[in-house]
Amino acid sequence: MSRPELRWVVGDGEPQALGSWLERHAPESASSLADGRVFVDGKRVTDAAFPLARGNRVELYAPRQIQADLRLLARFEGLIAVDKPAGIATEPDHSGIAGSVVARAAELVGVGSQELHAISRLDVGVSGVVLLTLDRSAGRRVQALREAGRLRRRYVAIASAAPNPTEGTWDAPIGRDRGNRRSAFGRNPEPAATHYRVTSRAGSAALLALEPVTGRTHQLRVHAAHAGCPLYGDPTYGGPKRVVQPSGAVLTLRRIALHAAWVELPFFGGVRVESALPAALQELWSALTGKAGELASALE
């Protein structure tokens, strides 16, 4: 979770409307309210007239710096698919509303962000296909597919070790850990299942094809870490943050080595929506001495 850029506690004699209070304390942050980057006692507030009281904790978060933008992949009846780059939150978070997948996808298709609902969520550091619905009917159809085990999703990951055995199903239940983390067998665990397969190796690293059966928060990252093969670029769950290449050059990882490569939608005639493997993962695999052609094996 990101840390606030600025934080105040409302003192004696200061209570007033939030908008006026911000003008006094952070006049350079005029857009922060509208963008959803202001939180009072941990809750997002966008109303300038919100009354502050003594002891309220006011936090202001910086906007996320986004290097790439969203691409529309497909639009069906009540359903759209977009290509999410790493670095964008699926839903609005502390870094604001406008930079989220939901808000940017709404702009792409010309609807209000309140009309879109993300039915597949990727973590900020993960890229690939995200599905959103425009109406309840489409949402129910996708949910029915999930419950019937007919919604296939393929992820490609680069792990710091190969799991043993090299193919199977991870089924450790996932619960809460400290902060925003999750853990296998954590607090209030929920059933979780991920099919996995090692498709190539490069030294100790492994290229994985992953298919989640369930959709728990951080599921693939937690399952991989629990299996002893945390993903590159995922220090939250024990993954390496950099790679030392044979030449001695150091590659610093700025994203998680996890990509949602395709989703199959049976009720549209078995159509598959695909997102190309990003250059950052190709660069990482090459730095690990893997061959470029091997990456395609995880898509099959």
Protein backbone atom coordinates (compact mmCIF):
# COMPACT_ATOMS: atom_id res chain seq x y z
CA MET A 1 0.00 0.00 0.00
CA SER A 2 1.30 3.47 -0.85
CA ARG A 3 2.17 6.00 1.85
CA PRO A 4 0.54 9.43 2.05
CA GLU A 5 2.48 12.34 0.61
CA LEU A 6 1.18 14.62 3.36
CA ARG A 7 -0.58 13.91 6.64
CA TRP A 8 -2.19 16.20 9.21
CA VAL A 9 -4.26 15.90 12.37
CA VAL A 10 -6.92 18.60 12.73
CA GLY A 11 -6.17 20.63 15.85
CA ASP A 12 -8.08 22.96 18.18
CA GLY A 13 -9.77 25.88 16.45
CA GLU A 14 -9.21 24.36 12.98
CA PRO A 15 -12.46 22.48 12.20
CA GLN A 16 -13.97 23.69 8.93
CA ALA A 17 -14.97 22.41 5.51
CA LEU A 18 -12.38 20.06 4.01
CA GLY A 19 -12.00 22.10 0.80
CA SER A 20 -11.19 25.30 2.69
CA TRP A 21 -8.87 23.43 5.02
CA LEU A 22 -6.92 22.00 2.07
CA GLU A 23 -6.65 25.43 0.42
CA ARG A 24 -4.92 26.61 3.56
CA HIS A 25 -2.64 23.64 4.16
CA ALA A 26 -1.95 22.37 0.62
CA PRO A 27 -2.93 25.06 -1.90
CA GLU A 28 -0.93 23.34 -4.66
CA SER A 29 -3.16 20.26 -4.46
CA ALA A 30 -6.39 21.71 -5.81
CA SER A 31 -7.16 18.65 -7.95
CA SER A 32 -6.59 16.11 -5.18
CA LEU A 33 -10.21 16.13 -3.96
CA ALA A 34 -11.80 15.56 -7.36
CA ASP A 35 -9.25 12.86 -8.14
CA GLY A 36 -10.02 10.95 -4.94
CA ARG A 37 -6.60 11.31 -3.36
CA VAL A 38 -7.76 12.80 -0.06
CA PHE A 39 -8.68 10.53 2.85
CA VAL A 40 -10.16 11.46 6.22
CA ASP A 41 -9.62 8.88 8.93
CA GLY A 42 -8.82 6.33 6.23
CA LYS A 43 -11.89 6.96 4.05
CA ARG A 44 -11.83 8.64 0.64
CA VAL A 45 -13.61 12.01 0.60
CA THR A 46 -14.33 13.99 -2.57
CA ASP A 47 -16.80 16.53 -1.14
CA ALA A 48 -15.20 19.93 -0.50
CA ALA A 49 -17.99 20.71 2.00
CA PHE A 50 -17.17 17.69 4.18
CA PRO A 51 -17.00 19.02 7.79
CA LEU A 52 -13.78 18.35 9.65
CA ALA A 53 -13.65 17.91 13.39
CA ARG A 54 -10.87 18.12 15.93
CA GLY A 55 -8.70 15.01 15.83
CA ASN A 56 -9.57 14.03 12.24
CA ARG A 57 -6.61 12.57 10.36
CA VAL A 58 -6.34 14.06 6.87
CA GLU A 59 -4.06 12.31 4.36
CA LEU A 60 -3.14 13.40 0.85
CA TYR A 61 -1.68 10.87 -1.62
CA ALA A 62 0.38 11.62 -4.71
CA PRO A 63 -0.93 10.59 -8.15
CA ARG A 64 0.68 7.48 -9.59
CA GLN A 65 3.14 8.12 -12.40
CA ILE A 66 1.90 6.00 -15.32
CA GLN A 67 4.30 5.18 -18.16
CA ALA A 68 1.85 3.52 -20.57
CA ASP A 69 -1.86 3.73 -21.28
CA LEU A 70 -4.76 1.34 -21.60
CA ARG A 71 -5.72 -0.34 -24.90
CA LEU A 72 -9.19 -1.55 -25.83
CA LEU A 73 -8.91 -5.20 -26.92
CA ALA A 74 -12.53 -6.15 -27.54
CA ARG A 75 -16.12 -5.13 -26.92
CA PHE A 76 -19.01 -7.59 -26.83
CA GLU A 77 -22.58 -7.42 -25.54
CA GLY A 78 -22.23 -5.64 -22.20
CA LEU A 79 -18.60 -6.69 -21.83
CA ILE A 80 -15.29 -5.06 -22.69
CA ALA A 81 -11.71 -6.29 -22.46
CA VAL A 82 -8.74 -3.96 -22.06
CA ASP A 83 -4.98 -4.40 -22.08
CA LYS A 84 -3.64 -3.11 -18.74
CA PRO A 85 0.01 -2.08 -18.48
CA ALA A 86 1.86 -2.62 -15.20
CA GLY A 87 1.68 0.43 -12.95
CA ILE A 88 -2.07 1.08 -13.14
CA ALA A 89 -4.53 0.07 -10.42
CA THR A 90 -7.62 -1.79 -11.63
CA GLU A 91 -9.94 -0.03 -9.18
CA PRO A 92 -9.42 3.48 -7.74
CA ASP A 93 -6.92 3.36 -4.90
CA HIS A 94 -5.06 5.90 -2.75
CA SER A 95 -3.35 7.28 -5.87
CA GLY A 96 -6.63 8.51 -7.29
CA ILE A 97 -9.65 7.71 -9.43
CA ALA A 98 -8.68 9.08 -12.87
CA GLY A 99 -5.62 6.84 -13.25
CA SER A 100 -7.47 3.56 -12.59
CA VAL A 101 -8.36 0.99 -15.23
CA VAL A 102 -12.07 1.52 -14.55
CA ALA A 103 -11.87 5.28 -15.17
CA ARG A 104 -9.64 5.01 -18.23
CA ALA A 105 -11.70 2.19 -19.76
CA ALA A 106 -14.84 4.29 -19.29
CA GLU A 107 -13.21 7.07 -21.31
CA LEU A 108 -12.27 4.61 -24.06
CA VAL A 109 -15.86 3.46 -24.57
CA GLY A 110 -17.57 6.76 -23.78
CA VAL A 111 -19.46 5.88 -20.61
CA GLY A 112 -19.35 7.06 -17.00
CA SER A 113 -16.95 5.18 -14.73
CA GLN A 114 -19.86 4.30 -12.43
CA GLU A 115 -21.30 2.22 -15.30
CA LEU A 116 -18.30 -0.11 -15.47
CA HIS A 117 -17.51 -2.94 -13.08
CA ALA A 118 -14.22 -4.82 -13.19
CA ILE A 119 -14.80 -8.57 -13.00
CA SER A 120 -11.13 -9.49 -13.22
CA ARG A 121 -8.66 -7.48 -11.18
CA LEU A 122 -4.92 -7.33 -11.69
CA ASP A 123 -2.54 -6.02 -9.07
CA VAL A 124 -0.81 -2.71 -9.82
CA GLY A 125 2.47 -4.38 -10.79
CA VAL A 126 0.80 -6.94 -13.08
CA SER A 127 -0.15 -6.47 -16.75
CA GLY A 128 -2.56 -8.05 -19.21
CA VAL A 129 -6.23 -8.67 -19.98
CA VAL A 130 -8.84 -7.14 -17.68
CA LEU A 131 -12.56 -7.78 -18.19
CA LEU A 132 -15.21 -5.20 -17.30
CA THR A 133 -18.99 -5.34 -17.59
CA LEU A 134 -21.35 -2.60 -18.71
CA ASP A 135 -24.50 -4.22 -17.35
CA ARG A 136 -25.65 -6.77 -14.79
CA SER A 137 -26.61 -9.35 -17.42
CA ALA A 138 -23.04 -9.63 -18.70
CA GLY A 139 -21.78 -9.82 -15.14
CA ARG A 140 -24.11 -12.71 -14.35
CA ARG A 141 -23.02 -14.60 -17.48
CA VAL A 142 -19.35 -14.28 -16.59
CA GLN A 143 -20.04 -15.26 -12.98
CA ALA A 144 -21.90 -18.35 -14.19
CA LEU A 145 -18.90 -19.30 -16.32
CA ARG A 146 -16.63 -18.92 -13.32
CA GLU A 147 -18.82 -21.08 -11.12
CA ALA A 148 -18.97 -23.75 -13.82
CA GLY A 149 -15.19 -23.65 -14.27
CA ARG A 150 -15.56 -22.58 -17.92
CA LEU A 151 -13.83 -19.19 -17.76
CA ARG A 152 -10.24 -19.95 -18.73
CA ARG A 153 -7.53 -17.43 -17.92
CA ARG A 154 -3.87 -17.93 -18.75
CA TYR A 155 -1.10 -16.09 -16.95
CA VAL A 156 2.60 -16.18 -17.78
CA ALA A 157 5.02 -15.80 -14.89
CA ILE A 158 8.76 -15.89 -14.36
CA ALA A 159 9.64 -17.49 -11.03
CA SER A 160 12.91 -17.48 -9.14
CA ALA A 161 12.84 -21.30 -8.86
CA ALA A 162 10.95 -24.22 -10.36
CA PRO A 163 8.18 -25.80 -8.28
CA ASN A 164 8.34 -29.50 -7.46
CA PRO A 165 6.59 -31.27 -9.09
CA THR A 166 6.81 -29.22 -12.26
CA GLU A 167 3.10 -29.52 -13.05
CA GLY A 168 0.00 -29.75 -10.92
CA THR A 169 -2.45 -27.70 -8.84
CA TRP A 170 -1.70 -25.44 -5.91
CA ASP A 171 -4.66 -25.56 -3.55
CA ALA A 172 -3.55 -23.92 -0.30
CA PRO A 173 -6.37 -21.72 1.08
CA ILE A 174 -5.53 -18.02 1.18
CA GLY A 175 -6.24 -15.65 4.06
CA ARG A 176 -5.15 -12.30 5.41
CA ASP A 177 -1.68 -11.49 6.65
CA ARG A 178 -0.37 -8.20 8.00
CA GLY A 179 -1.28 -5.00 6.16
CA ASN A 180 -2.42 -5.58 2.59
CA ARG A 181 -0.62 -8.92 2.32
CA ARG A 182 -2.21 -12.32 1.95
CA SER A 183 -0.76 -15.67 2.94
CA ALA A 184 -1.43 -19.35 2.50
CA PHE A 185 -3.41 -20.55 5.54
CA GLY A 186 -3.67 -16.94 6.79
CA ARG A 187 -6.49 -15.43 8.82
CA ASN A 188 -10.01 -16.31 7.65
CA PRO A 189 -8.69 -18.44 4.75
CA GLU A 190 -10.78 -19.06 1.66
CA PRO A 191 -10.45 -21.99 -0.76
CA ALA A 192 -8.09 -21.26 -3.65
CA ALA A 193 -6.79 -23.30 -6.58
CA THR A 194 -4.25 -22.60 -9.32
CA HIS A 195 -3.20 -24.97 -12.10
CA TYR A 196 0.49 -24.54 -12.91
CA ARG A 197 3.06 -25.91 -15.34
CA VAL A 198 6.77 -25.23 -15.90
CA THR A 199 7.25 -24.66 -19.62
CA SER A 200 10.95 -23.64 -19.72
CA ARG A 201 13.93 -23.04 -17.47
CA ALA A 202 16.84 -20.61 -17.51
CA GLY A 203 19.33 -21.50 -14.82
CA SER A 204 17.40 -21.62 -11.55
CA ALA A 205 14.56 -19.50 -12.97
CA ALA A 206 11.38 -21.04 -14.37
CA LEU A 207 8.81 -19.89 -16.90
CA LEU A 208 5.35 -20.79 -15.64
CA ALA A 209 1.95 -21.15 -17.32
CA LEU A 210 -0.70 -20.47 -14.66
CA GLU A 211 -4.48 -20.86 -14.74
CA PRO A 212 -6.40 -19.69 -11.65
CA VAL A 213 -9.53 -21.66 -10.83
CA THR A 214 -10.56 -19.20 -8.11
CA GLY A 215 -9.88 -15.47 -7.91
CA ARG A 216 -8.49 -14.63 -4.47
CA THR A 217 -6.51 -11.46 -3.85
CA HIS A 218 -2.83 -11.95 -4.80
CA GLN A 219 -3.63 -15.63 -5.42
CA LEU A 220 -0.97 -16.46 -8.01
CA ARG A 221 1.74 -14.56 -6.16
CA VAL A 222 0.89 -16.19 -2.83
CA HIS A 223 0.64 -19.70 -4.29
CA ALA A 224 3.96 -19.36 -6.11
CA ALA A 225 5.70 -18.08 -2.97
CA HIS A 226 4.14 -20.83 -0.85
CA ALA A 227 5.47 -23.40 -3.35
CA GLY A 228 9.00 -22.03 -2.90
CA CYS A 229 9.14 -20.20 -6.22
CA PRO A 230 8.32 -16.50 -5.62
CA LEU A 231 8.02 -14.38 -8.72
CA TYR A 232 10.68 -11.98 -9.92
CA GLY A 233 9.88 -8.37 -9.12
CA ASP A 234 7.61 -9.31 -6.20
CA PRO A 235 9.54 -8.52 -2.99
CA THR A 236 6.26 -8.46 -1.04
CA TYR A 237 6.22 -12.25 -1.29
CA GLY A 238 9.96 -12.90 -1.32
CA GLY A 239 10.73 -12.47 -5.03
CA PRO A 240 14.05 -10.96 -6.25
CA LYS A 241 14.06 -7.26 -7.13
CA ARG A 242 17.07 -7.42 -9.47
CA VAL A 243 18.97 -9.76 -11.73
CA VAL A 244 22.76 -9.85 -12.10
CA GLN A 245 23.49 -10.78 -15.70
CA PRO A 246 26.49 -12.88 -16.84
CA SER A 247 28.17 -9.65 -17.99
CA GLY A 248 27.90 -8.26 -14.47
CA ALA A 249 25.22 -5.73 -15.48
CA VAL A 250 22.34 -5.43 -13.01
CA LEU A 251 18.72 -5.37 -14.21
CA THR A 252 16.44 -3.69 -11.66
CA LEU A 253 12.85 -4.92 -11.84
CA ARG A 254 10.12 -2.29 -11.71
CA ARG A 255 7.14 -4.63 -12.02
CA ILE A 256 6.02 -8.13 -11.07
CA ALA A 257 6.92 -10.83 -13.59
CA LEU A 258 3.28 -11.82 -14.07
CA HIS A 259 1.12 -11.19 -17.14
CA ALA A 260 -2.52 -12.06 -17.88
CA ALA A 261 -1.94 -13.29 -21.43
CA TRP A 262 -5.41 -14.44 -22.51
CA VAL A 263 -8.99 -15.07 -21.49
CA GLU A 264 -11.42 -17.43 -23.24
CA LEU A 265 -15.11 -16.52 -23.38
CA PRO A 266 -17.21 -19.59 -24.34
CA PHE A 267 -20.49 -17.71 -24.73
CA PHE A 268 -19.05 -15.72 -27.65
CA GLY A 269 -18.24 -18.80 -29.68
CA GLY A 270 -15.07 -19.62 -27.78
CA VAL A 271 -13.37 -16.32 -28.57
CA ARG A 272 -9.98 -15.75 -26.98
CA VAL A 273 -8.92 -12.22 -26.01
CA GLU A 274 -5.14 -11.88 -25.95
CA SER A 275 -2.54 -9.45 -24.66
CA ALA A 276 0.99 -9.63 -26.06
CA LEU A 277 3.82 -10.37 -23.66
CA PRO A 278 5.30 -7.02 -22.57
CA ALA A 279 8.85 -6.06 -23.45
CA ALA A 280 9.83 -5.97 -19.76
CA LEU A 281 9.19 -9.72 -19.36
CA GLN A 282 11.04 -10.49 -22.58
CA GLU A 283 13.99 -8.44 -21.31
CA LEU A 284 13.92 -10.25 -17.96
CA TRP A 285 13.83 -13.70 -19.54
CA SER A 286 16.76 -12.75 -21.78
CA ALA A 287 18.71 -11.41 -18.78
CA LEU A 288 18.18 -14.79 -17.10
CA THR A 289 19.76 -16.39 -20.22
CA GLY A 290 16.42 -17.71 -21.46
CA LYS A 291 15.71 -17.91 -25.20
CA ALA A 292 13.11 -15.62 -26.74
CA GLY A 293 11.24 -18.45 -28.44
CA GLU A 294 10.62 -20.17 -25.12
CA LEU A 295 8.20 -17.50 -23.95
CA ALA A 296 5.58 -18.65 -26.45
CA SER A 297 5.51 -22.08 -24.80
CA ALA A 298 3.74 -20.61 -21.76
CA LEU A 299 0.89 -19.38 -23.99
CA GLU A 300 0.01 -22.76 -25.44
